[in-house]
Amino acid sequence: NIVTLVPKFKIKDGCKEKYMESLPKFLEIVKANEADTCIFYGFVGPTEDNYIICREGYVSAEGLLKHLDNVGEVLNEALESADIVELNVQGPQAELDKLKEPLAAFNPTYYPSAEGSFRSTKN
């Protein structure tokens, strides 16, 4: 039932330093409040052309929604310095269905898990 969220941000010109200051705030909130619902969370980038991706995994759609509630204030702060240019949501169809209404404003692309997908129990 892992639900993965992958937002891709484009940092606005002249805003890289301000945007990068928000990343530790996101990490602190997740570490302090989402131990039971977050499987992985972290950022990659920025690239030379100022794109940065957050890779996030949750135990359920509810875990993802809890995360959005937790980081709402910091996300609004970060969006002053960057735009979400792409948002992918991946997971079992039943979990994705729970997210369609709450995430509608972000206009995400949904990728349902293919038949036979599994998670290793060793990692």
PDB file of N, CA and C in Angstrom:
ATOM      1  N   ASN A   1       0.799  -1.210   0.000  1.00  0.00           N
ATOM      2  CA  ASN A   1       0.000   0.000   0.000  1.00  0.00           C
ATOM      3  C   ASN A   1       0.838   1.269   0.000  1.00  0.00           C
ATOM      4  N   ILE A   2       2.088   1.204  -0.340  1.00  0.00           N
ATOM      5  CA  ILE A   2       2.923   2.402  -0.339  1.00  0.00           C
ATOM      6  C   ILE A   2       2.382   3.399  -1.353  1.00  0.00           C
ATOM      7  N   VAL A   3       2.245   4.639  -0.897  1.00  0.00           N
ATOM      8  CA  VAL A   3       1.848   5.739  -1.761  1.00  0.00           C
ATOM      9  C   VAL A   3       3.039   6.670  -1.868  1.00  0.00           C
ATOM     10  N   THR A   4       3.446   6.934  -3.098  1.00  0.00           N
ATOM     11  CA  THR A   4       4.609   7.771  -3.353  1.00  0.00           C
ATOM     12  C   THR A   4       4.167   9.097  -3.945  1.00  0.00           C
ATOM     13  N   LEU A   5       4.734  10.172  -3.425  1.00  0.00           N
ATOM     14  CA  LEU A   5       4.479  11.512  -3.937  1.00  0.00           C
ATOM     15  C   LEU A   5       5.807  12.067  -4.435  1.00  0.00           C
ATOM     16  N   VAL A   6       5.810  12.600  -5.654  1.00  0.00           N
ATOM     17  CA  VAL A   6       7.045  13.154  -6.224  1.00  0.00           C
ATOM     18  C   VAL A   6       6.744  14.536  -6.808  1.00  0.00           C
ATOM     19  N   PRO A   7       6.870  15.584  -5.980  1.00  0.00           N
ATOM     20  CA  PRO A   7       6.715  16.930  -6.518  1.00  0.00           C
ATOM     21  C   PRO A   7       8.042  17.424  -7.100  1.00  0.00           C
ATOM     22  N   LYS A   8       7.948  18.057  -8.249  1.00  0.00           N
ATOM     23  CA  LYS A   8       9.117  18.653  -8.900  1.00  0.00           C
ATOM     24  C   LYS A   8       8.946  20.166  -8.833  1.00  0.00           C
ATOM     25  N   PHE A   9       9.932  20.817  -8.234  1.00  0.00           N
ATOM     26  CA  PHE A   9       9.905  22.261  -8.056  1.00  0.00           C
ATOM     27  C   PHE A   9      10.884  22.929  -9.015  1.00  0.00           C
ATOM     28  N   LYS A  10      10.525  24.111  -9.470  1.00  0.00           N
ATOM     29  CA  LYS A  10      11.427  24.969 -10.235  1.00  0.00           C
ATOM     30  C   LYS A  10      11.656  26.202  -9.382  1.00  0.00           C
ATOM     31  N   ILE A  11      12.893  26.363  -8.939  1.00  0.00           N
ATOM     32  CA  ILE A  11      13.232  27.502  -8.089  1.00  0.00           C
ATOM     33  C   ILE A  11      13.234  28.770  -8.943  1.00  0.00           C
ATOM     34  N   LYS A  12      12.578  29.797  -8.445  1.00  0.00           N
ATOM     35  CA  LYS A  12      12.482  31.071  -9.157  1.00  0.00           C
ATOM     36  C   LYS A  12      13.844  31.761  -9.193  1.00  0.00           C
ATOM     37  N   ASP A  13      14.067  32.537 -10.240  1.00  0.00           N
ATOM     38  CA  ASP A  13      15.328  33.270 -10.383  1.00  0.00           C
ATOM     39  C   ASP A  13      15.591  34.120  -9.150  1.00  0.00           C
ATOM     40  N   GLY A  14      16.801  34.013  -8.630  1.00  0.00           N
ATOM     41  CA  GLY A  14      17.215  34.793  -7.484  1.00  0.00           C
ATOM     42  C   GLY A  14      16.691  34.300  -6.149  1.00  0.00           C
ATOM     43  N   CYS A  15      16.038  33.145  -6.128  1.00  0.00           N
ATOM     44  CA  CYS A  15      15.407  32.658  -4.895  1.00  0.00           C
ATOM     45  C   CYS A  15      16.011  31.360  -4.371  1.00  0.00           C
ATOM     46  N   LYS A  16      17.110  30.920  -4.953  1.00  0.00           N
ATOM     47  CA  LYS A  16      17.668  29.617  -4.582  1.00  0.00           C
ATOM     48  C   LYS A  16      18.004  29.540  -3.092  1.00  0.00           C
ATOM     49  N   GLU A  17      18.703  30.544  -2.581  1.00  0.00           N
ATOM     50  CA  GLU A  17      19.115  30.511  -1.175  1.00  0.00           C
ATOM     51  C   GLU A  17      17.901  30.463  -0.251  1.00  0.00           C
ATOM     52  N   LYS A  18      16.901  31.280  -0.528  1.00  0.00           N
ATOM     53  CA  LYS A  18      15.694  31.296   0.312  1.00  0.00           C
ATOM     54  C   LYS A  18      14.971  29.952   0.253  1.00  0.00           C
ATOM     55  N   TYR A  19      14.853  29.387  -0.952  1.00  0.00           N
ATOM     56  CA  TYR A  19      14.181  28.100  -1.081  1.00  0.00           C
ATOM     57  C   TYR A  19      14.929  27.014  -0.310  1.00  0.00           C
ATOM     58  N   MET A  20      16.228  26.982  -0.452  1.00  0.00           N
ATOM     59  CA  MET A  20      17.036  25.950   0.203  1.00  0.00           C
ATOM     60  C   MET A  20      16.930  26.031   1.728  1.00  0.00           C
ATOM     61  N   GLU A  21      16.641  27.193   2.268  1.00  0.00           N
ATOM     62  CA  GLU A  21      16.454  27.345   3.715  1.00  0.00           C
ATOM     63  C   GLU A  21      15.205  26.618   4.208  1.00  0.00           C
ATOM     64  N   SER A  22      14.254  26.365   3.310  1.00  0.00           N
ATOM     65  CA  SER A  22      13.029  25.677   3.728  1.00  0.00           C
ATOM     66  C   SER A  22      13.219  24.163   3.860  1.00  0.00           C
ATOM     67  N   LEU A  23      14.210  23.587   3.178  1.00  0.00           N
ATOM     68  CA  LEU A  23      14.363  22.132   3.174  1.00  0.00           C
ATOM     69  C   LEU A  23      14.578  21.539   4.564  1.00  0.00           C
ATOM     70  N   PRO A  24      15.470  22.096   5.389  1.00  0.00           N
ATOM     71  CA  PRO A  24      15.612  21.533   6.740  1.00  0.00           C
ATOM     72  C   PRO A  24      14.322  21.617   7.561  1.00  0.00           C
ATOM     73  N   LYS A  25      13.505  22.621   7.301  1.00  0.00           N
ATOM     74  CA  LYS A  25      12.238  22.755   8.019  1.00  0.00           C
ATOM     75  C   LYS A  25      11.303  21.595   7.669  1.00  0.00           C
ATOM     76  N   PHE A  26      11.227  21.266   6.373  1.00  0.00           N
ATOM     77  CA  PHE A  26      10.426  20.114   5.963  1.00  0.00           C
ATOM     78  C   PHE A  26      10.912  18.848   6.674  1.00  0.00           C
ATOM     79  N   LEU A  27      12.218  18.619   6.641  1.00  0.00           N
ATOM     80  CA  LEU A  27      12.788  17.408   7.220  1.00  0.00           C
ATOM     81  C   LEU A  27      12.512  17.314   8.716  1.00  0.00           C
ATOM     82  N   GLU A  28      12.646  18.427   9.428  1.00  0.00           N
ATOM     83  CA  GLU A  28      12.370  18.445  10.866  1.00  0.00           C
ATOM     84  C   GLU A  28      10.928  18.047  11.164  1.00  0.00           C
ATOM     85  N   ILE A  29      10.004  18.626  10.420  1.00  0.00           N
ATOM     86  CA  ILE A  29       8.580  18.344  10.642  1.00  0.00           C
ATOM     87  C   ILE A  29       8.286  16.871  10.413  1.00  0.00           C
ATOM     88  N   VAL A  30       8.803  16.326   9.323  1.00  0.00           N
ATOM     89  CA  VAL A  30       8.549  14.921   9.003  1.00  0.00           C
ATOM     90  C   VAL A  30       9.150  14.011  10.075  1.00  0.00           C
ATOM     91  N   LYS A  31      10.397  14.247  10.442  1.00  0.00           N
ATOM     92  CA  LYS A  31      11.050  13.413  11.459  1.00  0.00           C
ATOM     93  C   LYS A  31      10.312  13.459  12.794  1.00  0.00           C
ATOM     94  N   ALA A  32       9.805  14.627  13.158  1.00  0.00           N
ATOM     95  CA  ALA A  32       9.168  14.800  14.467  1.00  0.00           C
ATOM     96  C   ALA A  32       7.728  14.291  14.521  1.00  0.00           C
ATOM     97  N   ASN A  33       7.046  14.226  13.380  1.00  0.00           N
ATOM     98  CA  ASN A  33       5.607  13.988  13.410  1.00  0.00           C
ATOM     99  C   ASN A  33       5.095  12.809  12.591  1.00  0.00           C
ATOM    100  N   GLU A  34       5.966  12.168  11.793  1.00  0.00           N
ATOM    101  CA  GLU A  34       5.440  11.189  10.852  1.00  0.00           C
ATOM    102  C   GLU A  34       6.158   9.839  10.894  1.00  0.00           C
ATOM    103  N   ALA A  35       6.709   9.489  12.037  1.00  0.00           N
ATOM    104  CA  ALA A  35       7.453   8.233  12.156  1.00  0.00           C
ATOM    105  C   ALA A  35       6.596   7.013  11.830  1.00  0.00           C
ATOM    106  N   ASP A  36       5.313   7.084  12.118  1.00  0.00           N
ATOM    107  CA  ASP A  36       4.430   5.938  11.886  1.00  0.00           C
ATOM    108  C   ASP A  36       3.842   5.884  10.484  1.00  0.00           C
ATOM    109  N   THR A  37       3.937   6.982   9.741  1.00  0.00           N
ATOM    110  CA  THR A  37       3.269   7.035   8.435  1.00  0.00           C
ATOM    111  C   THR A  37       4.213   7.265   7.258  1.00  0.00           C
ATOM    112  N   CYS A  38       5.390   7.805   7.503  1.00  0.00           N
ATOM    113  CA  CYS A  38       6.330   8.114   6.427  1.00  0.00           C
ATOM    114  C   CYS A  38       7.372   6.999   6.313  1.00  0.00           C
ATOM    115  N   ILE A  39       7.520   6.455   5.121  1.00  0.00           N
ATOM    116  CA  ILE A  39       8.489   5.386   4.878  1.00  0.00           C
ATOM    117  C   ILE A  39       9.827   5.972   4.450  1.00  0.00           C
ATOM    118  N   PHE A  40       9.788   6.988   3.598  1.00  0.00           N
ATOM    119  CA  PHE A  40      11.011   7.695   3.193  1.00  0.00           C
ATOM    120  C   PHE A  40      10.648   9.111   2.793  1.00  0.00           C
ATOM    121  N   TYR A  41      11.628  10.009   2.922  1.00  0.00           N
ATOM    122  CA  TYR A  41      11.396  11.416   2.618  1.00  0.00           C
ATOM    123  C   TYR A  41      12.737  12.082   2.397  1.00  0.00           C
ATOM    124  N   GLY A  42      12.887  12.789   1.305  1.00  0.00           N
ATOM    125  CA  GLY A  42      14.115  13.525   1.065  1.00  0.00           C
ATOM    126  C   GLY A  42      14.087  14.250  -0.262  1.00  0.00           C
ATOM    127  N   PHE A  43      15.045  15.131  -0.411  1.00  0.00           N
ATOM    128  CA  PHE A  43      15.148  15.957  -1.604  1.00  0.00           C
ATOM    129  C   PHE A  43      16.348  15.551  -2.438  1.00  0.00           C
ATOM    130  N   VAL A  44      16.240  15.716  -3.752  1.00  0.00           N
ATOM    131  CA  VAL A  44      17.362  15.552  -4.667  1.00  0.00           C
ATOM    132  C   VAL A  44      17.443  16.807  -5.513  1.00  0.00           C
ATOM    133  N   GLY A  45      18.665  17.284  -5.678  1.00  0.00           N
ATOM    134  CA  GLY A  45      18.885  18.517  -6.418  1.00  0.00           C
ATOM    135  C   GLY A  45      19.346  19.597  -5.464  1.00  0.00           C
ATOM    136  N   PRO A  46      19.447  20.786  -5.950  1.00  0.00           N
ATOM    137  CA  PRO A  46      18.930  21.263  -7.224  1.00  0.00           C
ATOM    138  C   PRO A  46      19.879  20.961  -8.388  1.00  0.00           C
ATOM    139  N   THR A  47      19.282  20.883  -9.564  1.00  0.00           N
ATOM    140  CA  THR A  47      20.048  20.712 -10.784  1.00  0.00           C
ATOM    141  C   THR A  47      20.648  22.060 -11.184  1.00  0.00           C
ATOM    142  N   GLU A  48      21.466  22.054 -12.210  1.00  0.00           N
ATOM    143  CA  GLU A  48      22.073  23.300 -12.679  1.00  0.00           C
ATOM    144  C   GLU A  48      21.026  24.309 -13.135  1.00  0.00           C
ATOM    145  N   ASP A  49      19.889  23.825 -13.608  1.00  0.00           N
ATOM    146  CA  ASP A  49      18.825  24.733 -14.050  1.00  0.00           C
ATOM    147  C   ASP A  49      17.742  24.929 -12.979  1.00  0.00           C
ATOM    148  N   ASN A  50      18.102  24.646 -11.714  1.00  0.00           N
ATOM    149  CA  ASN A  50      17.289  24.948 -10.533  1.00  0.00           C
ATOM    150  C   ASN A  50      15.998  24.153 -10.392  1.00  0.00           C
ATOM    151  N   TYR A  51      16.044  22.887 -10.758  1.00  0.00           N
ATOM    152  CA  TYR A  51      14.941  21.978 -10.450  1.00  0.00           C
ATOM    153  C   TYR A  51      15.337  21.159  -9.230  1.00  0.00           C
ATOM    154  N   ILE A  52      14.358  20.877  -8.399  1.00  0.00           N
ATOM    155  CA  ILE A  52      14.588  20.044  -7.228  1.00  0.00           C
ATOM    156  C   ILE A  52      13.366  19.143  -7.051  1.00  0.00           C
ATOM    157  N   ILE A  53      13.610  17.914  -6.669  1.00  0.00           N
ATOM    158  CA  ILE A  53      12.540  16.934  -6.500  1.00  0.00           C
ATOM    159  C   ILE A  53      12.529  16.466  -5.051  1.00  0.00           C
ATOM    160  N   CYS A  54      11.326  16.281  -4.530  1.00  0.00           N
ATOM    161  CA  CYS A  54      11.171  15.653  -3.226  1.00  0.00           C
ATOM    162  C   CYS A  54      10.643  14.246  -3.470  1.00  0.00           C
ATOM    163  N   ARG A  55      11.289  13.267  -2.869  1.00  0.00           N
ATOM    164  CA  ARG A  55      10.864  11.866  -2.986  1.00  0.00           C
ATOM    165  C   ARG A  55      10.257  11.475  -1.650  1.00  0.00           C
ATOM    166  N   GLU A  56       8.983  11.094  -1.678  1.00  0.00           N
ATOM    167  CA  GLU A  56       8.238  10.836  -0.452  1.00  0.00           C
ATOM    168  C   GLU A  56       7.459   9.534  -0.564  1.00  0.00           C
ATOM    169  N   GLY A  57       7.467   8.734   0.482  1.00  0.00           N
ATOM    170  CA  GLY A  57       6.691   7.507   0.511  1.00  0.00           C
ATOM    171  C   GLY A  57       5.938   7.377   1.818  1.00  0.00           C
ATOM    172  N   TYR A  58       4.671   6.970   1.723  1.00  0.00           N
ATOM    173  CA  TYR A  58       3.805   6.875   2.887  1.00  0.00           C
ATOM    174  C   TYR A  58       3.119   5.513   2.937  1.00  0.00           C
ATOM    175  N   VAL A  59       2.696   5.117   4.118  1.00  0.00           N
ATOM    176  CA  VAL A  59       2.055   3.816   4.299  1.00  0.00           C
ATOM    177  C   VAL A  59       0.655   3.775   3.709  1.00  0.00           C
ATOM    178  N   SER A  60       0.072   4.945   3.427  1.00  0.00           N
ATOM    179  CA  SER A  60      -1.300   5.001   2.921  1.00  0.00           C
ATOM    180  C   SER A  60      -1.598   6.404   2.417  1.00  0.00           C
ATOM    181  N   ALA A  61      -2.751   6.541   1.775  1.00  0.00           N
ATOM    182  CA  ALA A  61      -3.224   7.859   1.359  1.00  0.00           C
ATOM    183  C   ALA A  61      -3.407   8.762   2.581  1.00  0.00           C
ATOM    184  N   GLU A  62      -3.900   8.191   3.662  1.00  0.00           N
ATOM    185  CA  GLU A  62      -4.101   8.973   4.885  1.00  0.00           C
ATOM    186  C   GLU A  62      -2.773   9.512   5.420  1.00  0.00           C
ATOM    187  N   GLY A  63      -1.709   8.715   5.305  1.00  0.00           N
ATOM    188  CA  GLY A  63      -0.389   9.178   5.731  1.00  0.00           C
ATOM    189  C   GLY A  63       0.086  10.356   4.905  1.00  0.00           C
ATOM    190  N   LEU A  64      -0.164  10.306   3.606  1.00  0.00           N
ATOM    191  CA  LEU A  64       0.212  11.409   2.733  1.00  0.00           C
ATOM    192  C   LEU A  64      -0.578  12.667   3.091  1.00  0.00           C
ATOM    193  N   LEU A  65      -1.864  12.510   3.339  1.00  0.00           N
ATOM    194  CA  LEU A  65      -2.689  13.668   3.698  1.00  0.00           C
ATOM    195  C   LEU A  65      -2.272  14.254   5.047  1.00  0.00           C
ATOM    196  N   LYS A  66      -1.905  13.390   5.984  1.00  0.00           N
ATOM    197  CA  LYS A  66      -1.391  13.872   7.271  1.00  0.00           C
ATOM    198  C   LYS A  66      -0.141  14.718   7.037  1.00  0.00           C
ATOM    199  N   HIS A  67       0.723  14.248   6.143  1.00  0.00           N
ATOM    200  CA  HIS A  67       1.948  14.988   5.819  1.00  0.00           C
ATOM    201  C   HIS A  67       1.611  16.381   5.285  1.00  0.00           C
ATOM    202  N   LEU A  68       0.680  16.452   4.352  1.00  0.00           N
ATOM    203  CA  LEU A  68       0.336  17.753   3.776  1.00  0.00           C
ATOM    204  C   LEU A  68      -0.186  18.712   4.843  1.00  0.00           C
ATOM    205  N   ASP A  69      -0.943  18.199   5.793  1.00  0.00           N
ATOM    206  CA  ASP A  69      -1.397  19.036   6.905  1.00  0.00           C
ATOM    207  C   ASP A  69      -0.211  19.509   7.739  1.00  0.00           C
ATOM    208  N   ASN A  70       0.723  18.603   8.004  1.00  0.00           N
ATOM    209  CA  ASN A  70       1.873  18.935   8.838  1.00  0.00           C
ATOM    210  C   ASN A  70       2.768  20.003   8.209  1.00  0.00           C
ATOM    211  N   VAL A  71       2.974  19.940   6.904  1.00  0.00           N
ATOM    212  CA  VAL A  71       3.948  20.833   6.254  1.00  0.00           C
ATOM    213  C   VAL A  71       3.301  22.027   5.559  1.00  0.00           C
ATOM    214  N   GLY A  72       2.010  22.208   5.722  1.00  0.00           N
ATOM    215  CA  GLY A  72       1.301  23.261   4.997  1.00  0.00           C
ATOM    216  C   GLY A  72       1.946  24.634   5.090  1.00  0.00           C
ATOM    217  N   GLU A  73       2.310  25.043   6.276  1.00  0.00           N
ATOM    218  CA  GLU A  73       2.897  26.374   6.473  1.00  0.00           C
ATOM    219  C   GLU A  73       4.252  26.490   5.772  1.00  0.00           C
ATOM    220  N   VAL A  74       5.094  25.481   5.918  1.00  0.00           N
ATOM    221  CA  VAL A  74       6.417  25.506   5.282  1.00  0.00           C
ATOM    222  C   VAL A  74       6.278  25.399   3.766  1.00  0.00           C
ATOM    223  N   LEU A  75       5.317  24.612   3.298  1.00  0.00           N
ATOM    224  CA  LEU A  75       5.095  24.501   1.855  1.00  0.00           C
ATOM    225  C   LEU A  75       4.704  25.858   1.276  1.00  0.00           C
ATOM    226  N   ASN A  76       3.814  26.565   1.938  1.00  0.00           N
ATOM    227  CA  ASN A  76       3.426  27.899   1.464  1.00  0.00           C
ATOM    228  C   ASN A  76       4.621  28.836   1.426  1.00  0.00           C
ATOM    229  N   GLU A  77       5.481  28.743   2.418  1.00  0.00           N
ATOM    230  CA  GLU A  77       6.704  29.544   2.457  1.00  0.00           C
ATOM    231  C   GLU A  77       7.608  29.181   1.274  1.00  0.00           C
ATOM    232  N   ALA A  78       7.779  27.887   1.021  1.00  0.00           N
ATOM    233  CA  ALA A  78       8.644  27.431  -0.071  1.00  0.00           C
ATOM    234  C   ALA A  78       8.093  27.854  -1.427  1.00  0.00           C
ATOM    235  N   LEU A  79       6.769  27.882  -1.551  1.00  0.00           N
ATOM    236  CA  LEU A  79       6.161  28.247  -2.834  1.00  0.00           C
ATOM    237  C   LEU A  79       6.286  29.734  -3.161  1.00  0.00           C
ATOM    238  N   GLU A  80       6.787  30.514  -2.216  1.00  0.00           N
ATOM    239  CA  GLU A  80       7.138  31.902  -2.526  1.00  0.00           C
ATOM    240  C   GLU A  80       8.418  31.955  -3.360  1.00  0.00           C
ATOM    241  N   SER A  81       9.241  30.898  -3.267  1.00  0.00           N
ATOM    242  CA  SER A  81      10.541  30.851  -3.938  1.00  0.00           C
ATOM    243  C   SER A  81      10.610  29.844  -5.072  1.00  0.00           C
ATOM    244  N   ALA A  82       9.586  29.022  -5.231  1.00  0.00           N
ATOM    245  CA  ALA A  82       9.600  27.977  -6.258  1.00  0.00           C
ATOM    246  C   ALA A  82       8.171  27.631  -6.647  1.00  0.00           C
ATOM    247  N   ASP A  83       8.042  27.069  -7.829  1.00  0.00           N
ATOM    248  CA  ASP A  83       6.743  26.600  -8.308  1.00  0.00           C
ATOM    249  C   ASP A  83       6.772  25.088  -8.425  1.00  0.00           C
ATOM    250  N   ILE A  84       5.651  24.452  -8.141  1.00  0.00           N
ATOM    251  CA  ILE A  84       5.523  23.025  -8.429  1.00  0.00           C
ATOM    252  C   ILE A  84       5.196  22.919  -9.914  1.00  0.00           C
ATOM    253  N   VAL A  85       6.112  22.322 -10.680  1.00  0.00           N
ATOM    254  CA  VAL A  85       5.924  22.227 -12.127  1.00  0.00           C
ATOM    255  C   VAL A  85       5.428  20.851 -12.553  1.00  0.00           C
ATOM    256  N   GLU A  86       5.520  19.899 -11.644  1.00  0.00           N
ATOM    257  CA  GLU A  86       5.042  18.547 -11.933  1.00  0.00           C
ATOM    258  C   GLU A  86       4.792  17.858 -10.604  1.00  0.00           C
ATOM    259  N   LEU A  87       3.740  17.051 -10.567  1.00  0.00           N
ATOM    260  CA  LEU A  87       3.430  16.295  -9.355  1.00  0.00           C
ATOM    261  C   LEU A  87       2.942  14.914  -9.761  1.00  0.00           C
ATOM    262  N   ASN A  88       3.680  13.903  -9.342  1.00  0.00           N
ATOM    263  CA  ASN A  88       3.317  12.514  -9.617  1.00  0.00           C
ATOM    264  C   ASN A  88       2.922  11.834  -8.315  1.00  0.00           C
ATOM    265  N   VAL A  89       1.839  11.063  -8.380  1.00  0.00           N
ATOM    266  CA  VAL A  89       1.370  10.292  -7.240  1.00  0.00           C
ATOM    267  C   VAL A  89       1.276   8.844  -7.703  1.00  0.00           C
ATOM    268  N   GLN A  90       1.896   7.946  -6.958  1.00  0.00           N
ATOM    269  CA  GLN A  90       1.986   6.549  -7.362  1.00  0.00           C
ATOM    270  C   GLN A  90       1.534   5.654  -6.222  1.00  0.00           C
ATOM    271  N   GLY A  91       0.837   4.563  -6.578  1.00  0.00           N
ATOM    272  CA  GLY A  91       0.416   3.617  -5.556  1.00  0.00           C
ATOM    273  C   GLY A  91      -0.764   2.794  -6.018  1.00  0.00           C
ATOM    274  N   PRO A  92      -1.305   1.984  -5.122  1.00  0.00           N
ATOM    275  CA  PRO A  92      -2.474   1.170  -5.450  1.00  0.00           C
ATOM    276  C   PRO A  92      -3.665   2.062  -5.831  1.00  0.00           C
ATOM    277  N   GLN A  93      -4.417   1.626  -6.797  1.00  0.00           N
ATOM    278  CA  GLN A  93      -5.542   2.433  -7.291  1.00  0.00           C
ATOM    279  C   GLN A  93      -6.483   2.848  -6.169  1.00  0.00           C
ATOM    280  N   ALA A  94      -6.773   1.954  -5.240  1.00  0.00           N
ATOM    281  CA  ALA A  94      -7.701   2.279  -4.147  1.00  0.00           C
ATOM    282  C   ALA A  94      -7.171   3.439  -3.305  1.00  0.00           C
ATOM    283  N   GLU A  95      -5.854   3.501  -3.108  1.00  0.00           N
ATOM    284  CA  GLU A  95      -5.253   4.608  -2.351  1.00  0.00           C
ATOM    285  C   GLU A  95      -5.271   5.885  -3.176  1.00  0.00           C
ATOM    286  N   LEU A  96      -4.979   5.790  -4.468  1.00  0.00           N
ATOM    287  CA  LEU A  96      -4.991   6.967  -5.338  1.00  0.00           C
ATOM    288  C   LEU A  96      -6.381   7.589  -5.388  1.00  0.00           C
ATOM    289  N   ASP A  97      -7.404   6.754  -5.405  1.00  0.00           N
ATOM    290  CA  ASP A  97      -8.776   7.261  -5.442  1.00  0.00           C
ATOM    291  C   ASP A  97      -9.076   8.150  -4.238  1.00  0.00           C
ATOM    292  N   LYS A  98      -8.498   7.841  -3.094  1.00  0.00           N
ATOM    293  CA  LYS A  98      -8.709   8.636  -1.882  1.00  0.00           C
ATOM    294  C   LYS A  98      -8.058  10.017  -1.972  1.00  0.00           C
ATOM    295  N   LEU A  99      -7.113  10.173  -2.898  1.00  0.00           N
ATOM    296  CA  LEU A  99      -6.347  11.415  -2.995  1.00  0.00           C
ATOM    297  C   LEU A  99      -6.843  12.366  -4.077  1.00  0.00           C
ATOM    298  N   LYS A 100      -7.675  11.885  -4.968  1.00  0.00           N
ATOM    299  CA  LYS A 100      -8.068  12.699  -6.125  1.00  0.00           C
ATOM    300  C   LYS A 100      -8.722  14.016  -5.733  1.00  0.00           C
ATOM    301  N   GLU A 101      -9.644  13.981  -4.816  1.00  0.00           N
ATOM    302  CA  GLU A 101     -10.285  15.233  -4.400  1.00  0.00           C
ATOM    303  C   GLU A 101      -9.333  16.127  -3.591  1.00  0.00           C
ATOM    304  N   PRO A 102      -8.647  15.605  -2.566  1.00  0.00           N
ATOM    305  CA  PRO A 102      -7.770  16.482  -1.779  1.00  0.00           C
ATOM    306  C   PRO A 102      -6.598  17.082  -2.562  1.00  0.00           C
ATOM    307  N   LEU A 103      -6.128  16.388  -3.597  1.00  0.00           N
ATOM    308  CA  LEU A 103      -4.975  16.883  -4.364  1.00  0.00           C
ATOM    309  C   LEU A 103      -5.363  17.581  -5.667  1.00  0.00           C
ATOM    310  N   ALA A 104      -6.657  17.722  -5.930  1.00  0.00           N
ATOM    311  CA  ALA A 104      -7.119  18.256  -7.215  1.00  0.00           C
ATOM    312  C   ALA A 104      -6.476  19.602  -7.571  1.00  0.00           C
ATOM    313  N   ALA A 105      -6.286  20.467  -6.609  1.00  0.00           N
ATOM    314  CA  ALA A 105      -5.725  21.803  -6.883  1.00  0.00           C
ATOM    315  C   ALA A 105      -4.301  21.735  -7.424  1.00  0.00           C
ATOM    316  N   PHE A 106      -3.592  20.639  -7.140  1.00  0.00           N
ATOM    317  CA  PHE A 106      -2.213  20.489  -7.607  1.00  0.00           C
ATOM    318  C   PHE A 106      -2.128  19.880  -9.003  1.00  0.00           C
ATOM    319  N   ASN A 107      -3.253  19.407  -9.528  1.00  0.00           N
ATOM    320  CA  ASN A 107      -3.312  18.800 -10.865  1.00  0.00           C
ATOM    321  C   ASN A 107      -2.263  17.701 -11.062  1.00  0.00           C
ATOM    322  N   PRO A 108      -2.237  16.705 -10.183  1.00  0.00           N
ATOM    323  CA  PRO A 108      -1.213  15.663 -10.280  1.00  0.00           C
ATOM    324  C   PRO A 108      -1.488  14.666 -11.406  1.00  0.00           C
ATOM    325  N   THR A 109      -0.442  13.917 -11.737  1.00  0.00           N
ATOM    326  CA  THR A 109      -0.566  12.756 -12.611  1.00  0.00           C
ATOM    327  C   THR A 109      -0.540  11.536 -11.708  1.00  0.00           C
ATOM    328  N   TYR A 110      -1.522  10.655 -11.860  1.00  0.00           N
ATOM    329  CA  TYR A 110      -1.634   9.459 -11.024  1.00  0.00           C
ATOM    330  C   TYR A 110      -1.111   8.250 -11.789  1.00  0.00           C
ATOM    331  N   TYR A 111      -0.307   7.448 -11.117  1.00  0.00           N
ATOM    332  CA  TYR A 111       0.240   6.214 -11.671  1.00  0.00           C
ATOM    333  C   TYR A 111      -0.159   5.056 -10.769  1.00  0.00           C
ATOM    334  N   PRO A 112      -1.166   4.271 -11.153  1.00  0.00           N
ATOM    335  CA  PRO A 112      -1.547   3.122 -10.330  1.00  0.00           C
ATOM    336  C   PRO A 112      -0.493   2.024 -10.422  1.00  0.00           C
ATOM    337  N   SER A 113      -0.292   1.330  -9.314  1.00  0.00           N
ATOM    338  CA  SER A 113       0.657   0.215  -9.279  1.00  0.00           C
ATOM    339  C   SER A 113       0.238  -0.853 -10.282  1.00  0.00           C
ATOM    340  N   ALA A 114       1.212  -1.357 -11.008  1.00  0.00           N
ATOM    341  CA  ALA A 114       0.947  -2.421 -11.981  1.00  0.00           C
ATOM    342  C   ALA A 114       0.707  -3.736 -11.245  1.00  0.00           C
ATOM    343  N   GLU A 115      -0.069  -4.594 -11.857  1.00  0.00           N
ATOM    344  CA  GLU A 115      -0.345  -5.928 -11.313  1.00  0.00           C
ATOM    345  C   GLU A 115       0.968  -6.642 -11.009  1.00  0.00           C
ATOM    346  N   GLY A 116       1.068  -7.244  -9.846  1.00  0.00           N
ATOM    347  CA  GLY A 116       2.262  -7.993  -9.468  1.00  0.00           C
ATOM    348  C   GLY A 116       3.315  -7.169  -8.744  1.00  0.00           C
ATOM    349  N   SER A 117       3.095  -5.860  -8.571  1.00  0.00           N
ATOM    350  CA  SER A 117       4.061  -5.021  -7.847  1.00  0.00           C
ATOM    351  C   SER A 117       4.133  -5.490  -6.404  1.00  0.00           C
ATOM    352  N   PHE A 118       5.315  -5.412  -5.816  1.00  0.00           N
ATOM    353  CA  PHE A 118       5.489  -5.846  -4.440  1.00  0.00           C
ATOM    354  C   PHE A 118       6.574  -5.032  -3.759  1.00  0.00           C
ATOM    355  N   ARG A 119       6.631  -5.154  -2.460  1.00  0.00           N
ATOM    356  CA  ARG A 119       7.661  -4.501  -1.657  1.00  0.00           C
ATOM    357  C   ARG A 119       8.487  -5.582  -0.977  1.00  0.00           C
ATOM    358  N   SER A 120       9.781  -5.457  -1.029  1.00  0.00           N
ATOM    359  CA  SER A 120      10.662  -6.395  -0.354  1.00  0.00           C
ATOM    360  C   SER A 120      10.446  -6.329   1.142  1.00  0.00           C
ATOM    361  N   THR A 121      10.429  -7.450   1.800  1.00  0.00           N
ATOM    362  CA  THR A 121      10.297  -7.469   3.255  1.00  0.00           C
ATOM    363  C   THR A 121      11.666  -7.478   3.914  1.00  0.00           C
ATOM    364  N   LYS A 122      12.739  -7.522   3.116  1.00  0.00           N
ATOM    365  CA  LYS A 122      14.097  -7.556   3.665  1.00  0.00           C
ATOM    366  C   LYS A 122      14.692  -6.174   3.815  1.00  0.00           C
ATOM    367  N   ASN A 123      14.106  -5.176   3.163  1.00  0.00           N
ATOM    368  CA  ASN A 123      14.655  -3.802   3.229  1.00  0.00           C
ATOM    369  C   ASN A 123      13.684  -2.874   3.867  1.00  0.00           C
TER     370      ASN A 123
END
